[in-house]
Amino acid sequence: MSFIPNSIQRVFLCFLLLAGLALASFQQFILTLPKANISLVEPLNGIVVVTGGQARIQKGLEMLSGGKANKMLISGVGQGISKQLLRESLSLSDEQALFFDCCVEIEFTAIDTNGNARATIQWMQKHNLKDVLLVSANYHLPRAEIIFRRYLPEKKIYFQAVNPPDLKLSHWYLSWQTSRLLLKEYLKFLFVKFSFG
């Protein structure tokens, strides 16, 4: 590189350094995504599932039927999808179906995580709930935690990660679809983190 001016060499080296730091930060985000296990000593007032995958709803129902709470909200259900239609689309055990019928509410207004948080506030106020367990995908929870804590600063919020079955974190770089999903979520996370403080 001796024939290249020193100023260009410095710019190129700075670019490589910044690219390396960005990649390392992205990898750190992936490596520190929340795990799927949570241990609750006492049952909570409620469970909130933000839509985005069947596994999230089933995990919420598993915890509801397991006595982790006595009511559950599914936030961000698409317009035109009734509770009955949603029930029929899920692979529920008989026990889960009973809890779904008696103890689950659905709401249709939320179209993003901010909307999920606002809907959760209204639901908690409606039922006078003091704490809640948020169930979402592992890659979504870091951003969701920031947003929910901003909207519900006076409430106790716990978090339950769901590992999507088709999301292979150990080899994320081998799948363009996985890489794109994680990178998109990482950029959203950075935006929320530095916007909300």
N, C-alpha and C. Protein backbone atom coordinates (compact mmCIF):
# COMPACT_ATOMS: atom_id res chain seq x y z
N MET A 1 0.81 -1.20 0.00
CA MET A 1 0.00 0.00 0.00
C MET A 1 0.86 1.27 0.00
N SER A 2 2.17 1.12 -0.27
CA SER A 2 3.07 2.27 -0.18
C SER A 2 2.78 3.32 -1.25
N PHE A 3 2.18 2.89 -2.38
CA PHE A 3 1.88 3.85 -3.44
C PHE A 3 0.59 4.61 -3.18
N ILE A 4 -0.15 4.23 -2.12
CA ILE A 4 -1.39 4.92 -1.76
C ILE A 4 -1.06 6.01 -0.75
N PRO A 5 -1.55 7.21 -0.92
CA PRO A 5 -1.28 8.30 0.03
C PRO A 5 -1.64 7.91 1.46
N ASN A 6 -0.85 8.44 2.42
CA ASN A 6 -1.06 8.10 3.83
C ASN A 6 -2.46 8.46 4.31
N SER A 7 -3.01 9.55 3.83
CA SER A 7 -4.35 9.96 4.27
C SER A 7 -5.40 8.92 3.88
N ILE A 8 -5.28 8.36 2.69
CA ILE A 8 -6.23 7.34 2.24
C ILE A 8 -6.03 6.06 3.05
N GLN A 9 -4.78 5.73 3.34
CA GLN A 9 -4.50 4.55 4.16
C GLN A 9 -5.16 4.70 5.54
N ARG A 10 -5.03 5.87 6.13
CA ARG A 10 -5.61 6.10 7.45
C ARG A 10 -7.14 5.98 7.41
N VAL A 11 -7.74 6.54 6.37
CA VAL A 11 -9.21 6.45 6.23
C VAL A 11 -9.62 4.99 6.09
N PHE A 12 -8.88 4.25 5.30
CA PHE A 12 -9.20 2.83 5.08
C PHE A 12 -9.06 2.04 6.38
N LEU A 13 -8.00 2.29 7.13
CA LEU A 13 -7.80 1.59 8.39
C LEU A 13 -8.88 1.96 9.41
N CYS A 14 -9.28 3.23 9.43
CA CYS A 14 -10.37 3.65 10.31
C CYS A 14 -11.67 2.96 9.95
N PHE A 15 -11.90 2.84 8.64
CA PHE A 15 -13.10 2.14 8.18
C PHE A 15 -13.09 0.69 8.63
N LEU A 16 -11.94 0.02 8.48
CA LEU A 16 -11.84 -1.38 8.91
C LEU A 16 -12.06 -1.52 10.41
N LEU A 17 -11.52 -0.58 11.18
CA LEU A 17 -11.67 -0.61 12.62
C LEU A 17 -13.13 -0.43 13.02
N LEU A 18 -13.80 0.53 12.39
CA LEU A 18 -15.21 0.78 12.70
C LEU A 18 -16.07 -0.42 12.29
N ALA A 19 -15.77 -1.00 11.12
CA ALA A 19 -16.52 -2.16 10.67
C ALA A 19 -16.33 -3.32 11.63
N GLY A 20 -15.11 -3.51 12.13
CA GLY A 20 -14.84 -4.57 13.09
C GLY A 20 -15.57 -4.36 14.41
N LEU A 21 -15.59 -3.12 14.88
CA LEU A 21 -16.31 -2.81 16.12
C LEU A 21 -17.81 -3.01 15.97
N ALA A 22 -18.33 -2.62 14.81
CA ALA A 22 -19.76 -2.80 14.56
C ALA A 22 -20.13 -4.28 14.53
N LEU A 23 -19.30 -5.07 13.86
CA LEU A 23 -19.55 -6.51 13.80
C LEU A 23 -19.45 -7.15 15.19
N ALA A 24 -18.46 -6.72 15.97
CA ALA A 24 -18.30 -7.25 17.32
C ALA A 24 -19.50 -6.89 18.20
N SER A 25 -20.00 -5.67 18.06
CA SER A 25 -21.17 -5.24 18.82
C SER A 25 -22.41 -6.05 18.43
N PHE A 26 -22.57 -6.29 17.14
CA PHE A 26 -23.69 -7.09 16.64
C PHE A 26 -23.61 -8.52 17.18
N GLN A 27 -22.42 -9.09 17.16
CA GLN A 27 -22.23 -10.44 17.67
C GLN A 27 -22.52 -10.50 19.17
N GLN A 28 -22.11 -9.46 19.91
CA GLN A 28 -22.39 -9.39 21.35
C GLN A 28 -23.89 -9.35 21.61
N PHE A 29 -24.62 -8.60 20.78
CA PHE A 29 -26.07 -8.55 20.90
C PHE A 29 -26.66 -9.95 20.76
N ILE A 30 -26.19 -10.70 19.77
CA ILE A 30 -26.71 -12.04 19.53
C ILE A 30 -26.36 -12.99 20.68
N LEU A 31 -25.12 -12.91 21.14
CA LEU A 31 -24.66 -13.81 22.20
C LEU A 31 -25.35 -13.57 23.54
N THR A 32 -25.83 -12.36 23.75
CA THR A 32 -26.44 -12.02 25.04
C THR A 32 -27.97 -11.96 24.99
N LEU A 33 -28.56 -12.49 23.92
CA LEU A 33 -30.02 -12.54 23.87
C LEU A 33 -30.53 -13.38 25.04
N PRO A 34 -31.68 -13.01 25.61
CA PRO A 34 -32.19 -13.73 26.78
C PRO A 34 -32.48 -15.19 26.48
N LYS A 35 -32.27 -16.02 27.49
CA LYS A 35 -32.55 -17.46 27.36
C LYS A 35 -34.03 -17.72 27.63
N ALA A 36 -34.44 -18.93 27.33
CA ALA A 36 -35.87 -19.25 27.39
C ALA A 36 -36.36 -19.63 28.77
N ASN A 37 -35.48 -19.71 29.75
CA ASN A 37 -35.91 -20.17 31.07
C ASN A 37 -36.06 -19.01 32.05
N ILE A 38 -37.13 -19.06 32.84
CA ILE A 38 -37.34 -18.09 33.90
C ILE A 38 -37.95 -18.82 35.09
N SER A 39 -37.51 -18.50 36.28
CA SER A 39 -38.07 -19.14 37.47
C SER A 39 -38.76 -18.07 38.31
N LEU A 40 -40.05 -18.25 38.52
CA LEU A 40 -40.85 -17.31 39.31
C LEU A 40 -41.18 -17.95 40.65
N VAL A 41 -40.84 -17.26 41.72
CA VAL A 41 -41.10 -17.79 43.05
C VAL A 41 -42.60 -17.73 43.35
N GLU A 42 -43.24 -16.63 42.99
CA GLU A 42 -44.66 -16.46 43.24
C GLU A 42 -45.38 -16.16 41.93
N PRO A 43 -46.65 -16.55 41.83
CA PRO A 43 -47.43 -16.22 40.63
C PRO A 43 -47.55 -14.71 40.46
N LEU A 44 -47.63 -14.28 39.21
CA LEU A 44 -47.79 -12.87 38.90
C LEU A 44 -49.26 -12.57 38.64
N ASN A 45 -49.58 -11.27 38.55
CA ASN A 45 -50.96 -10.87 38.29
C ASN A 45 -51.41 -11.24 36.88
N GLY A 46 -50.51 -11.06 35.90
CA GLY A 46 -50.93 -11.30 34.52
C GLY A 46 -49.77 -11.62 33.60
N ILE A 47 -50.12 -12.14 32.44
CA ILE A 47 -49.17 -12.45 31.37
C ILE A 47 -49.58 -11.67 30.14
N VAL A 48 -48.61 -11.08 29.46
CA VAL A 48 -48.86 -10.40 28.20
C VAL A 48 -48.03 -11.05 27.11
N VAL A 49 -48.68 -11.44 26.04
CA VAL A 49 -47.99 -12.02 24.88
C VAL A 49 -48.11 -11.03 23.73
N VAL A 50 -46.98 -10.63 23.19
CA VAL A 50 -47.04 -9.77 21.99
C VAL A 50 -46.98 -10.68 20.78
N THR A 51 -47.91 -10.48 19.86
CA THR A 51 -48.04 -11.41 18.74
C THR A 51 -46.83 -11.31 17.80
N GLY A 52 -46.68 -12.34 17.01
CA GLY A 52 -45.55 -12.41 16.11
C GLY A 52 -45.14 -13.85 15.84
N GLY A 53 -45.81 -14.77 16.50
CA GLY A 53 -45.49 -16.18 16.30
C GLY A 53 -46.32 -17.05 17.22
N GLN A 54 -46.72 -18.20 16.70
CA GLN A 54 -47.56 -19.12 17.46
C GLN A 54 -46.85 -19.59 18.72
N ALA A 55 -45.53 -19.75 18.66
CA ALA A 55 -44.78 -20.25 19.81
C ALA A 55 -44.93 -19.32 21.02
N ARG A 56 -45.05 -18.01 20.77
CA ARG A 56 -45.20 -17.06 21.87
C ARG A 56 -46.52 -17.29 22.61
N ILE A 57 -47.61 -17.45 21.86
CA ILE A 57 -48.92 -17.66 22.48
C ILE A 57 -48.93 -18.97 23.24
N GLN A 58 -48.37 -20.01 22.66
CA GLN A 58 -48.37 -21.30 23.33
C GLN A 58 -47.53 -21.27 24.60
N LYS A 59 -46.42 -20.53 24.58
CA LYS A 59 -45.61 -20.39 25.79
C LYS A 59 -46.39 -19.65 26.87
N GLY A 60 -47.09 -18.60 26.48
CA GLY A 60 -47.92 -17.88 27.43
C GLY A 60 -48.99 -18.76 28.04
N LEU A 61 -49.65 -19.57 27.20
CA LEU A 61 -50.69 -20.46 27.69
C LEU A 61 -50.10 -21.55 28.59
N GLU A 62 -48.91 -22.00 28.25
CA GLU A 62 -48.24 -23.00 29.09
C GLU A 62 -48.00 -22.44 30.50
N MET A 63 -47.57 -21.19 30.56
CA MET A 63 -47.31 -20.57 31.86
C MET A 63 -48.61 -20.24 32.58
N LEU A 64 -49.64 -19.83 31.83
CA LEU A 64 -50.95 -19.55 32.43
C LEU A 64 -51.53 -20.82 33.03
N SER A 65 -51.55 -21.91 32.27
CA SER A 65 -52.11 -23.17 32.78
C SER A 65 -51.23 -23.77 33.86
N GLY A 66 -49.96 -23.36 33.91
CA GLY A 66 -49.06 -23.85 34.95
C GLY A 66 -49.13 -23.04 36.23
N GLY A 67 -50.05 -22.07 36.30
CA GLY A 67 -50.28 -21.33 37.52
C GLY A 67 -49.37 -20.13 37.72
N LYS A 68 -48.70 -19.66 36.65
CA LYS A 68 -47.81 -18.51 36.79
C LYS A 68 -48.58 -17.20 36.86
N ALA A 69 -49.84 -17.22 36.45
CA ALA A 69 -50.72 -16.05 36.53
C ALA A 69 -52.15 -16.54 36.34
N ASN A 70 -53.12 -15.65 36.55
CA ASN A 70 -54.51 -16.09 36.39
C ASN A 70 -55.24 -15.41 35.25
N LYS A 71 -54.52 -14.57 34.49
CA LYS A 71 -55.12 -13.99 33.29
C LYS A 71 -54.03 -13.62 32.30
N MET A 72 -54.42 -13.52 31.03
CA MET A 72 -53.43 -13.28 29.98
C MET A 72 -54.02 -12.38 28.90
N LEU A 73 -53.17 -11.50 28.38
CA LEU A 73 -53.54 -10.64 27.27
C LEU A 73 -52.68 -11.00 26.06
N ILE A 74 -53.32 -11.15 24.91
CA ILE A 74 -52.60 -11.29 23.64
C ILE A 74 -52.75 -9.97 22.91
N SER A 75 -51.65 -9.26 22.76
CA SER A 75 -51.69 -7.90 22.22
C SER A 75 -51.25 -7.87 20.75
N GLY A 76 -51.99 -7.11 19.96
CA GLY A 76 -51.62 -6.92 18.56
C GLY A 76 -52.18 -7.96 17.62
N VAL A 77 -53.32 -8.54 17.97
CA VAL A 77 -53.96 -9.52 17.09
C VAL A 77 -54.52 -8.79 15.87
N GLY A 78 -54.38 -9.37 14.72
CA GLY A 78 -54.84 -8.74 13.49
C GLY A 78 -56.34 -8.50 13.47
N GLN A 79 -56.73 -7.40 12.85
CA GLN A 79 -58.15 -7.09 12.72
C GLN A 79 -58.87 -8.22 11.98
N GLY A 80 -60.05 -8.55 12.46
CA GLY A 80 -60.85 -9.58 11.81
C GLY A 80 -60.60 -10.98 12.34
N ILE A 81 -59.62 -11.13 13.25
CA ILE A 81 -59.34 -12.45 13.83
C ILE A 81 -60.04 -12.51 15.19
N SER A 82 -61.04 -13.35 15.28
CA SER A 82 -61.79 -13.49 16.53
C SER A 82 -61.03 -14.41 17.49
N LYS A 83 -61.46 -14.39 18.72
CA LYS A 83 -60.84 -15.28 19.72
C LYS A 83 -61.06 -16.74 19.34
N GLN A 84 -62.23 -17.05 18.82
CA GLN A 84 -62.53 -18.42 18.40
C GLN A 84 -61.65 -18.85 17.24
N LEU A 85 -61.47 -17.97 16.28
CA LEU A 85 -60.62 -18.28 15.12
C LEU A 85 -59.18 -18.47 15.55
N LEU A 86 -58.71 -17.63 16.47
CA LEU A 86 -57.36 -17.76 16.98
C LEU A 86 -57.20 -19.07 17.74
N ARG A 87 -58.19 -19.41 18.52
CA ARG A 87 -58.15 -20.67 19.29
C ARG A 87 -58.03 -21.86 18.35
N GLU A 88 -58.78 -21.84 17.26
CA GLU A 88 -58.77 -22.96 16.33
C GLU A 88 -57.45 -23.08 15.56
N SER A 89 -56.73 -21.98 15.44
CA SER A 89 -55.47 -22.01 14.69
C SER A 89 -54.29 -22.49 15.54
N LEU A 90 -54.48 -22.60 16.85
CA LEU A 90 -53.42 -23.02 17.75
C LEU A 90 -53.54 -24.51 18.06
N SER A 91 -52.41 -25.13 18.31
CA SER A 91 -52.41 -26.55 18.71
C SER A 91 -52.39 -26.60 20.23
N LEU A 92 -53.58 -26.57 20.81
CA LEU A 92 -53.70 -26.48 22.26
C LEU A 92 -54.07 -27.82 22.87
N SER A 93 -53.52 -28.09 24.05
CA SER A 93 -53.97 -29.24 24.82
C SER A 93 -55.34 -28.91 25.39
N ASP A 94 -56.04 -29.92 25.89
CA ASP A 94 -57.36 -29.69 26.47
C ASP A 94 -57.28 -28.69 27.63
N GLU A 95 -56.23 -28.81 28.45
CA GLU A 95 -56.06 -27.91 29.59
C GLU A 95 -55.80 -26.48 29.12
N GLN A 96 -54.95 -26.33 28.10
CA GLN A 96 -54.66 -25.00 27.57
C GLN A 96 -55.91 -24.39 26.96
N ALA A 97 -56.72 -25.20 26.29
CA ALA A 97 -57.95 -24.70 25.67
C ALA A 97 -58.91 -24.16 26.73
N LEU A 98 -58.98 -24.83 27.88
CA LEU A 98 -59.84 -24.35 28.97
C LEU A 98 -59.38 -23.00 29.47
N PHE A 99 -58.08 -22.85 29.67
CA PHE A 99 -57.54 -21.58 30.13
C PHE A 99 -57.69 -20.49 29.06
N PHE A 100 -57.55 -20.89 27.81
CA PHE A 100 -57.72 -19.91 26.73
C PHE A 100 -59.13 -19.34 26.74
N ASP A 101 -60.12 -20.21 26.95
CA ASP A 101 -61.52 -19.78 26.92
C ASP A 101 -61.86 -18.88 28.11
N CYS A 102 -61.31 -19.20 29.29
CA CYS A 102 -61.76 -18.50 30.50
C CYS A 102 -60.91 -17.28 30.85
N CYS A 103 -59.63 -17.30 30.49
CA CYS A 103 -58.72 -16.35 31.12
C CYS A 103 -57.88 -15.52 30.15
N VAL A 104 -58.17 -15.61 28.86
CA VAL A 104 -57.37 -14.89 27.86
C VAL A 104 -58.21 -13.80 27.20
N GLU A 105 -57.63 -12.62 27.11
CA GLU A 105 -58.24 -11.51 26.36
C GLU A 105 -57.35 -11.20 25.17
N ILE A 106 -57.95 -10.72 24.10
CA ILE A 106 -57.16 -10.31 22.94
C ILE A 106 -57.48 -8.85 22.62
N GLU A 107 -56.49 -8.16 22.07
CA GLU A 107 -56.70 -6.76 21.68
C GLU A 107 -56.12 -6.54 20.28
N PHE A 108 -56.70 -5.58 19.56
CA PHE A 108 -56.45 -5.45 18.14
C PHE A 108 -55.74 -4.15 17.75
N THR A 109 -55.55 -3.22 18.68
CA THR A 109 -55.09 -1.89 18.29
C THR A 109 -53.59 -1.80 18.08
N ALA A 110 -52.81 -2.60 18.80
CA ALA A 110 -51.34 -2.48 18.73
C ALA A 110 -50.81 -2.95 17.38
N ILE A 111 -49.97 -2.11 16.78
CA ILE A 111 -49.34 -2.50 15.52
C ILE A 111 -47.81 -2.55 15.65
N ASP A 112 -47.30 -2.18 16.83
CA ASP A 112 -45.86 -2.26 17.08
C ASP A 112 -45.65 -2.40 18.59
N THR A 113 -44.38 -2.41 19.01
CA THR A 113 -44.08 -2.64 20.42
C THR A 113 -44.57 -1.49 21.30
N ASN A 114 -44.50 -0.27 20.81
CA ASN A 114 -45.06 0.85 21.56
C ASN A 114 -46.56 0.66 21.79
N GLY A 115 -47.24 0.21 20.77
CA GLY A 115 -48.67 -0.07 20.89
C GLY A 115 -48.94 -1.20 21.87
N ASN A 116 -48.10 -2.22 21.86
CA ASN A 116 -48.23 -3.32 22.82
C ASN A 116 -48.12 -2.79 24.25
N ALA A 117 -47.16 -1.89 24.48
CA ALA A 117 -46.95 -1.33 25.82
C ALA A 117 -48.15 -0.49 26.24
N ARG A 118 -48.67 0.32 25.33
CA ARG A 118 -49.85 1.14 25.67
C ARG A 118 -51.06 0.26 25.98
N ALA A 119 -51.25 -0.80 25.19
CA ALA A 119 -52.37 -1.71 25.43
C ALA A 119 -52.20 -2.43 26.76
N THR A 120 -50.97 -2.73 27.11
CA THR A 120 -50.70 -3.40 28.39
C THR A 120 -51.05 -2.50 29.56
N ILE A 121 -50.71 -1.20 29.45
CA ILE A 121 -51.07 -0.24 30.50
C ILE A 121 -52.58 -0.25 30.73
N GLN A 122 -53.33 -0.14 29.65
CA GLN A 122 -54.79 -0.09 29.76
C GLN A 122 -55.34 -1.37 30.38
N TRP A 123 -54.79 -2.50 29.96
CA TRP A 123 -55.25 -3.80 30.47
C TRP A 123 -54.93 -3.93 31.96
N MET A 124 -53.74 -3.51 32.36
CA MET A 124 -53.35 -3.60 33.78
C MET A 124 -54.20 -2.66 34.63
N GLN A 125 -54.50 -1.48 34.11
CA GLN A 125 -55.36 -0.56 34.84
C GLN A 125 -56.78 -1.11 34.96
N LYS A 126 -57.26 -1.70 33.91
CA LYS A 126 -58.61 -2.28 33.90
C LYS A 126 -58.77 -3.35 34.98
N HIS A 127 -57.72 -4.16 35.17
CA HIS A 127 -57.79 -5.27 36.14
C HIS A 127 -57.04 -4.97 37.43
N ASN A 128 -56.52 -3.75 37.56
CA ASN A 128 -55.78 -3.34 38.76
C ASN A 128 -54.60 -4.29 39.03
N LEU A 129 -53.80 -4.52 38.01
CA LEU A 129 -52.66 -5.44 38.13
C LEU A 129 -51.40 -4.67 38.52
N LYS A 130 -50.61 -5.29 39.38
CA LYS A 130 -49.38 -4.65 39.87
C LYS A 130 -48.14 -5.13 39.13
N ASP A 131 -48.20 -6.34 38.59
CA ASP A 131 -47.03 -6.88 37.89
C ASP A 131 -47.49 -7.72 36.70
N VAL A 132 -46.56 -7.96 35.79
CA VAL A 132 -46.91 -8.67 34.57
C VAL A 132 -45.68 -9.37 34.02
N LEU A 133 -45.92 -10.47 33.33
CA LEU A 133 -44.86 -11.21 32.64
C LEU A 133 -45.03 -11.00 31.15
N LEU A 134 -44.02 -10.44 30.51
CA LEU A 134 -44.07 -10.22 29.06
C LEU A 134 -43.42 -11.39 28.35
N VAL A 135 -44.15 -11.99 27.41
CA VAL A 135 -43.65 -13.12 26.64
C VAL A 135 -43.43 -12.66 25.20
N SER A 136 -42.20 -12.84 24.71
CA SER A 136 -41.91 -12.49 23.32
C SER A 136 -40.70 -13.28 22.84
N ALA A 137 -40.36 -13.13 21.57
CA ALA A 137 -39.21 -13.82 21.00
C ALA A 137 -37.92 -13.28 21.61
N ASN A 138 -36.93 -14.14 21.74
CA ASN A 138 -35.67 -13.76 22.38
C ASN A 138 -35.01 -12.56 21.70
N TYR A 139 -35.07 -12.48 20.38
CA TYR A 139 -34.42 -11.38 19.67
C TYR A 139 -35.16 -10.06 19.84
N HIS A 140 -36.44 -10.13 20.23
CA HIS A 140 -37.26 -8.94 20.40
C HIS A 140 -37.21 -8.37 21.81
N LEU A 141 -36.91 -9.21 22.80
CA LEU A 141 -37.02 -8.80 24.19
C LEU A 141 -36.09 -7.65 24.61
N PRO A 142 -34.83 -7.57 24.14
CA PRO A 142 -34.01 -6.43 24.57
C PRO A 142 -34.65 -5.08 24.26
N ARG A 143 -35.21 -4.96 23.07
CA ARG A 143 -35.88 -3.71 22.69
C ARG A 143 -37.20 -3.56 23.45
N ALA A 144 -37.95 -4.66 23.56
CA ALA A 144 -39.23 -4.61 24.26
C ALA A 144 -39.05 -4.21 25.72
N GLU A 145 -37.98 -4.68 26.34
CA GLU A 145 -37.75 -4.34 27.75
C GLU A 145 -37.57 -2.83 27.92
N ILE A 146 -36.81 -2.20 27.05
CA ILE A 146 -36.61 -0.76 27.13
C ILE A 146 -37.94 -0.02 26.99
N ILE A 147 -38.72 -0.43 25.99
CA ILE A 147 -39.98 0.25 25.70
C ILE A 147 -40.99 0.05 26.83
N PHE A 148 -41.13 -1.18 27.31
CA PHE A 148 -42.11 -1.46 28.36
C PHE A 148 -41.73 -0.78 29.67
N ARG A 149 -40.45 -0.74 30.00
CA ARG A 149 -40.05 -0.07 31.23
C ARG A 149 -40.28 1.44 31.13
N ARG A 150 -40.20 1.96 29.91
CA ARG A 150 -40.47 3.40 29.73
C ARG A 150 -41.96 3.70 29.93
N TYR A 151 -42.82 2.85 29.39
CA TYR A 151 -44.26 3.09 29.49
C TYR A 151 -44.84 2.69 30.85
N LEU A 152 -44.21 1.73 31.52
CA LEU A 152 -44.75 1.23 32.79
C LEU A 152 -43.70 1.34 33.89
N PRO A 153 -43.22 2.54 34.19
CA PRO A 153 -42.14 2.69 35.17
C PRO A 153 -42.53 2.30 36.59
N GLU A 154 -43.82 2.37 36.91
CA GLU A 154 -44.28 2.08 38.27
C GLU A 154 -44.69 0.62 38.45
N LYS A 155 -44.67 -0.16 37.38
CA LYS A 155 -45.10 -1.55 37.45
C LYS A 155 -43.90 -2.49 37.44
N LYS A 156 -44.08 -3.66 38.04
CA LYS A 156 -43.05 -4.69 37.97
C LYS A 156 -43.26 -5.51 36.70
N ILE A 157 -42.22 -5.59 35.89
CA ILE A 157 -42.31 -6.32 34.63
C ILE A 157 -41.25 -7.40 34.62
N TYR A 158 -41.67 -8.61 34.32
CA TYR A 158 -40.75 -9.73 34.16
C TYR A 158 -40.80 -10.15 32.69
N PHE A 159 -39.78 -10.87 32.26
CA PHE A 159 -39.66 -11.16 30.83
C PHE A 159 -39.39 -12.65 30.61
N GLN A 160 -40.13 -13.21 29.66
CA GLN A 160 -39.98 -14.62 29.29
C GLN A 160 -39.65 -14.69 27.80
N ALA A 161 -38.46 -15.17 27.50
CA ALA A 161 -38.05 -15.30 26.10
C ALA A 161 -38.57 -16.60 25.50
N VAL A 162 -38.93 -16.52 24.24
CA VAL A 162 -39.29 -17.70 23.46
C VAL A 162 -38.27 -17.83 22.34
N ASN A 163 -37.68 -19.00 22.23
CA ASN A 163 -36.72 -19.24 21.15
C ASN A 163 -37.46 -19.77 19.93
N PRO A 164 -37.62 -18.98 18.88
CA PRO A 164 -38.31 -19.48 17.68
C PRO A 164 -37.61 -20.73 17.16
N PRO A 165 -38.36 -21.79 16.85
CA PRO A 165 -37.75 -23.06 16.47
C PRO A 165 -36.90 -22.99 15.21
N ASP A 166 -37.20 -22.05 14.31
CA ASP A 166 -36.44 -21.97 13.06
C ASP A 166 -35.31 -20.93 13.11
N LEU A 167 -35.05 -20.38 14.30
CA LEU A 167 -34.00 -19.37 14.44
C LEU A 167 -32.76 -20.02 15.04
N LYS A 168 -31.75 -20.26 14.21
CA LYS A 168 -30.52 -20.92 14.64
C LYS A 168 -29.46 -19.87 14.97
N LEU A 169 -29.41 -19.48 16.23
CA LEU A 169 -28.50 -18.40 16.63
C LEU A 169 -27.03 -18.79 16.52
N SER A 170 -26.73 -20.07 16.74
CA SER A 170 -25.33 -20.49 16.72
C SER A 170 -24.71 -20.39 15.33
N HIS A 171 -25.53 -20.43 14.30
CA HIS A 171 -25.03 -20.32 12.92
C HIS A 171 -25.83 -19.27 12.14
N TRP A 172 -26.08 -18.13 12.78
CA TRP A 172 -26.91 -17.11 12.17
C TRP A 172 -26.36 -16.62 10.85
N TYR A 173 -25.04 -16.59 10.72
CA TYR A 173 -24.38 -16.05 9.53
C TYR A 173 -24.53 -16.95 8.30
N LEU A 174 -25.02 -18.18 8.49
CA LEU A 174 -25.19 -19.10 7.36
C LEU A 174 -26.54 -18.92 6.67
N SER A 175 -27.43 -18.16 7.29
CA SER A 175 -28.76 -17.96 6.72
C SER A 175 -29.00 -16.47 6.49
N TRP A 176 -29.25 -16.09 5.25
CA TRP A 176 -29.52 -14.70 4.94
C TRP A 176 -30.79 -14.23 5.65
N GLN A 177 -31.81 -15.09 5.71
CA GLN A 177 -33.07 -14.71 6.34
C GLN A 177 -32.86 -14.43 7.84
N THR A 178 -32.10 -15.30 8.51
CA THR A 178 -31.81 -15.10 9.93
C THR A 178 -30.95 -13.87 10.15
N SER A 179 -29.92 -13.72 9.32
CA SER A 179 -29.03 -12.57 9.44
C SER A 179 -29.79 -11.26 9.28
N ARG A 180 -30.67 -11.23 8.29
CA ARG A 180 -31.45 -10.02 8.04
C ARG A 180 -32.39 -9.71 9.19
N LEU A 181 -33.05 -10.74 9.73
CA LEU A 181 -33.96 -10.56 10.87
C LEU A 181 -33.20 -10.00 12.08
N LEU A 182 -32.06 -10.61 12.40
CA LEU A 182 -31.29 -10.18 13.57
C LEU A 182 -30.71 -8.79 13.39
N LEU A 183 -30.21 -8.50 12.19
CA LEU A 183 -29.64 -7.18 11.94
C LEU A 183 -30.72 -6.10 12.02
N LYS A 184 -31.88 -6.38 11.46
CA LYS A 184 -32.98 -5.41 11.52
C LYS A 184 -33.38 -5.15 12.97
N GLU A 185 -33.47 -6.21 13.77
CA GLU A 185 -33.84 -6.04 15.18
C GLU A 185 -32.74 -5.34 15.96
N TYR A 186 -31.49 -5.62 15.63
CA TYR A 186 -30.37 -4.97 16.31
C TYR A 186 -30.38 -3.46 16.05
N LEU A 187 -30.65 -3.06 14.82
CA LEU A 187 -30.71 -1.63 14.49
C LEU A 187 -31.88 -0.95 15.20
N LYS A 188 -33.01 -1.64 15.28
CA LYS A 188 -34.16 -1.10 16.03
C LYS A 188 -33.81 -0.96 17.51
N PHE A 189 -33.11 -1.96 18.04
CA PHE A 189 -32.69 -1.92 19.44
C PHE A 189 -31.79 -0.72 19.70
N LEU A 190 -30.83 -0.49 18.82
CA LEU A 190 -29.92 0.65 19.00
C LEU A 190 -30.69 1.97 18.95
N PHE A 191 -31.62 2.06 18.01
CA PHE A 191 -32.42 3.29 17.88
C PHE A 191 -33.21 3.56 19.16
N VAL A 192 -33.86 2.52 19.67
CA VAL A 192 -34.67 2.67 20.89
C VAL A 192 -33.76 2.98 22.08
N LYS A 193 -32.65 2.29 22.17
CA LYS A 193 -31.75 2.48 23.31
C LYS A 193 -31.24 3.91 23.40
N PHE A 194 -30.82 4.46 22.27
CA PHE A 194 -30.25 5.79 22.29
C PHE A 194 -31.30 6.89 22.19
N SER A 195 -32.53 6.51 21.78
CA SER A 195 -33.62 7.49 21.77
C SER A 195 -34.24 7.64 23.14
N PHE A 196 -34.37 6.51 23.85
CA PHE A 196 -35.06 6.52 25.14
C PHE A 196 -34.10 6.72 26.29
N GLY A 197 -32.79 6.59 26.04
CA GLY A 197 -31.82 6.75 27.13
C GLY A 197 -31.62 5.46 27.89
